[in-house]
C-alpha cells in the first residue's frame, strides 16, 4: 500500500478525538501550526503554511490545499499534500488522492475532520456549506 496513503489515513484517524487539544507551533515557528488532535506517541503532524493555496475554479468551486508534515521525535519528516475541491451548491467535498484520483469525503468521518482542520488553517474560518436559498440583504425586496 502506498506509504502516503497510509500516512493520510493514520493522520485522519488521529482526528477522531472529539475534544480539541491545544495545538502548538513546531519549535515555536508560526509557519508550522500543529494539526489539532494529531499527536500520536512520538509522531505529531503540522501544517506547512508556506505550501497553502486556494482559488475558485470556473464553476465557482473552492479548490485549496496545504502540505501536512509528519514530525517523528520532533524531526522534520515527509510532507503530504492535502488538496480538496468543494462544490458549494451540491454540498459535496472531494479530496485528491496522492495518485490524482478524486474521492468524496462525507461529514462525520475522520477524513472530513481533517478537511475541516485544513479549511480552518487555509481560510481562517470554520467550514460550513453556504445556504443556497439565502437571499443577500441587498437583493431582498421584502425587507
Protein backbone atom coordinates (compact mmCIF):
# COMPACT_ATOMS: atom_id res chain seq x y z
CA UNK A 1 0.00 0.00 0.00
CA UNK A 2 1.23 3.49 -0.79
CA UNK A 3 3.08 5.00 2.20
CA UNK A 4 1.48 8.40 1.67
CA UNK A 5 -1.98 6.85 1.64
CA UNK A 6 -1.25 5.03 4.91
CA UNK A 7 0.07 8.29 6.40
CA UNK A 8 -3.07 10.06 5.25
CA UNK A 9 -5.37 7.57 6.92
CA UNK A 10 -3.25 7.47 10.08
CA UNK A 11 -3.49 11.24 10.35
CA UNK A 12 -7.22 11.21 9.68
CA UNK A 13 -7.70 8.54 12.35
CA UNK A 14 -5.99 10.71 14.96
CA UNK A 15 -8.55 13.44 14.32
CA UNK A 16 -11.38 11.26 15.60
CA UNK A 17 -10.87 12.59 19.12
CA UNK A 18 -13.85 14.80 19.90
CA UNK A 19 -12.18 17.36 22.15
CA UNK A 20 -9.87 19.95 20.72
CA UNK A 21 -6.34 19.66 22.02
CA UNK A 22 -4.31 22.80 22.45
CA UNK A 23 -2.29 23.00 19.28
CA UNK A 24 1.21 24.44 19.25
CA UNK A 25 3.67 25.51 16.61
CA UNK A 26 6.58 23.21 15.77
CA UNK A 27 9.65 24.56 17.59
CA UNK A 28 7.80 27.86 18.04
CA UNK A 29 7.68 28.50 14.29
CA UNK A 30 4.36 30.14 13.37
CA UNK A 31 4.70 28.71 9.85
CA UNK A 32 4.18 25.20 11.26
CA UNK A 33 0.98 25.11 13.36
CA UNK A 34 0.02 21.71 14.76
CA UNK A 35 -2.87 19.84 13.20
CA UNK A 36 -5.48 19.69 16.01
CA UNK A 37 -5.58 16.36 17.86
CA UNK A 38 -2.76 14.91 15.77
CA UNK A 39 -0.23 13.97 18.47
CA UNK A 40 0.17 10.19 18.45
CA UNK A 41 3.05 8.85 20.54
CA UNK A 42 6.30 10.20 19.09
CA UNK A 43 4.58 11.45 15.92
CA UNK A 44 2.84 14.78 15.51
CA UNK A 45 1.50 16.38 12.34
CA UNK A 46 1.94 20.03 11.40
CA UNK A 47 0.58 22.21 8.61
CA UNK A 48 3.22 23.86 6.40
CA UNK A 49 1.65 27.29 5.88
CA UNK A 50 4.15 28.20 3.16
CA UNK A 51 2.63 25.50 0.95
CA UNK A 52 -1.02 26.54 1.23
CA UNK A 53 -3.00 27.71 -1.78
CA UNK A 54 -6.64 28.47 -2.55
CA UNK A 55 -8.64 29.52 -5.57
CA UNK A 56 -12.08 29.39 -7.09
CA UNK A 57 -12.36 27.47 -10.36
CA UNK A 58 -14.51 28.33 -13.39
CA UNK A 59 -17.53 26.58 -11.84
CA UNK A 60 -17.22 28.59 -8.60
CA UNK A 61 -15.93 25.60 -6.65
CA UNK A 62 -13.35 26.10 -3.92
CA UNK A 63 -10.03 24.39 -4.61
CA UNK A 64 -7.43 24.52 -1.87
CA UNK A 65 -4.62 22.58 -0.35
CA UNK A 66 -1.85 22.54 2.22
CA UNK A 67 1.05 20.23 2.99
CA UNK A 68 0.94 18.29 6.24
CA UNK A 69 4.32 17.29 7.65
CA UNK A 70 4.77 14.20 9.80
CA UNK A 71 7.24 15.02 12.58
CA UNK A 72 8.78 11.99 14.31
CA UNK A 73 10.64 12.70 17.56
CA UNK A 74 10.50 16.41 16.67
CA UNK A 75 12.43 15.84 13.42
CA UNK A 76 11.11 17.15 10.08
CA UNK A 77 9.53 14.27 8.22
CA UNK A 78 7.69 13.59 5.00
CA UNK A 79 5.18 16.12 3.65
CA UNK A 80 1.85 15.01 2.19
CA UNK A 81 -0.36 17.35 0.15
CA UNK A 82 -3.96 17.55 1.31
CA UNK A 83 -5.82 19.03 -1.67
CA UNK A 84 -9.59 19.43 -1.77
CA UNK A 85 -12.37 20.67 -4.03
CA UNK A 86 -15.64 21.89 -2.51
CA UNK A 87 -18.83 22.04 -4.60
CA UNK A 88 -20.90 24.51 -2.51
CA UNK A 89 -24.16 24.14 -4.45
CA UNK A 90 -24.02 20.33 -4.26
CA UNK A 91 -22.82 20.28 -0.63
CA UNK A 92 -20.04 17.85 -1.53
CA UNK A 93 -16.33 17.72 -0.74
CA UNK A 94 -13.73 15.73 -2.65
CA UNK A 95 -10.11 15.03 -1.81
CA UNK A 96 -7.40 14.46 -4.38
CA UNK A 97 -5.59 11.21 -3.54
CA UNK A 98 -1.78 11.14 -3.95
CA UNK A 99 -2.28 9.42 -7.33
CA UNK A 100 -4.50 12.31 -8.52
CA UNK A 101 -7.82 10.49 -8.26
CA UNK A 102 -10.78 12.23 -6.61
CA UNK A 103 -12.87 10.65 -3.91
CA UNK A 104 -15.77 12.07 -1.95
CA UNK A 105 -15.46 12.58 1.79
CA UNK A 106 -18.52 12.76 4.00
CA UNK A 107 -19.37 14.67 7.18
CA UNK A 108 -18.84 12.70 10.36
CA UNK A 109 -15.77 10.83 9.10
CA UNK A 110 -12.17 11.22 10.23
CA UNK A 111 -11.25 12.40 6.74
CA UNK A 112 -13.91 15.14 6.94
CA UNK A 113 -12.45 16.26 10.29
CA UNK A 114 -9.07 16.61 8.57
CA UNK A 115 -10.72 18.59 5.77
CA UNK A 116 -12.29 20.98 8.31
CA UNK A 117 -8.93 21.47 10.05
CA UNK A 118 -7.25 22.22 6.70
CA UNK A 119 -10.07 24.61 5.72
CA UNK A 120 -9.70 26.50 9.00
CA UNK A 121 -5.93 26.75 8.55
CA UNK A 122 -6.15 27.99 4.94
CA UNK A 123 -9.24 30.24 5.17
CA UNK A 124 -9.16 31.16 8.88
CA UNK A 125 -12.84 30.30 9.41
CA UNK A 126 -14.90 27.30 10.44
CA UNK A 127 -16.26 25.40 7.45
CA UNK A 128 -19.98 25.43 6.67
CA UNK A 129 -21.75 24.82 3.41
CA UNK A 130 -23.46 28.01 2.24
CA UNK A 131 -27.22 28.32 2.37
CA UNK A 132 -28.01 28.42 -1.34
CA UNK A 133 -31.57 29.57 -0.59
CA UNK A 134 -30.46 32.62 1.39
CA UNK A 135 -31.09 35.94 -0.29
CA UNK A 136 -28.48 38.64 0.33
CA UNK A 137 -29.90 41.65 2.19
CA UNK A 138 -29.09 43.94 -0.75
CA UNK A 139 -31.33 41.84 -3.02
CA UNK A 140 -34.18 41.10 -0.61
CA UNK A 141 -37.17 43.11 -1.89
CA UNK A 142 -39.36 42.09 1.08
CA UNK A 143 -37.27 43.86 3.72
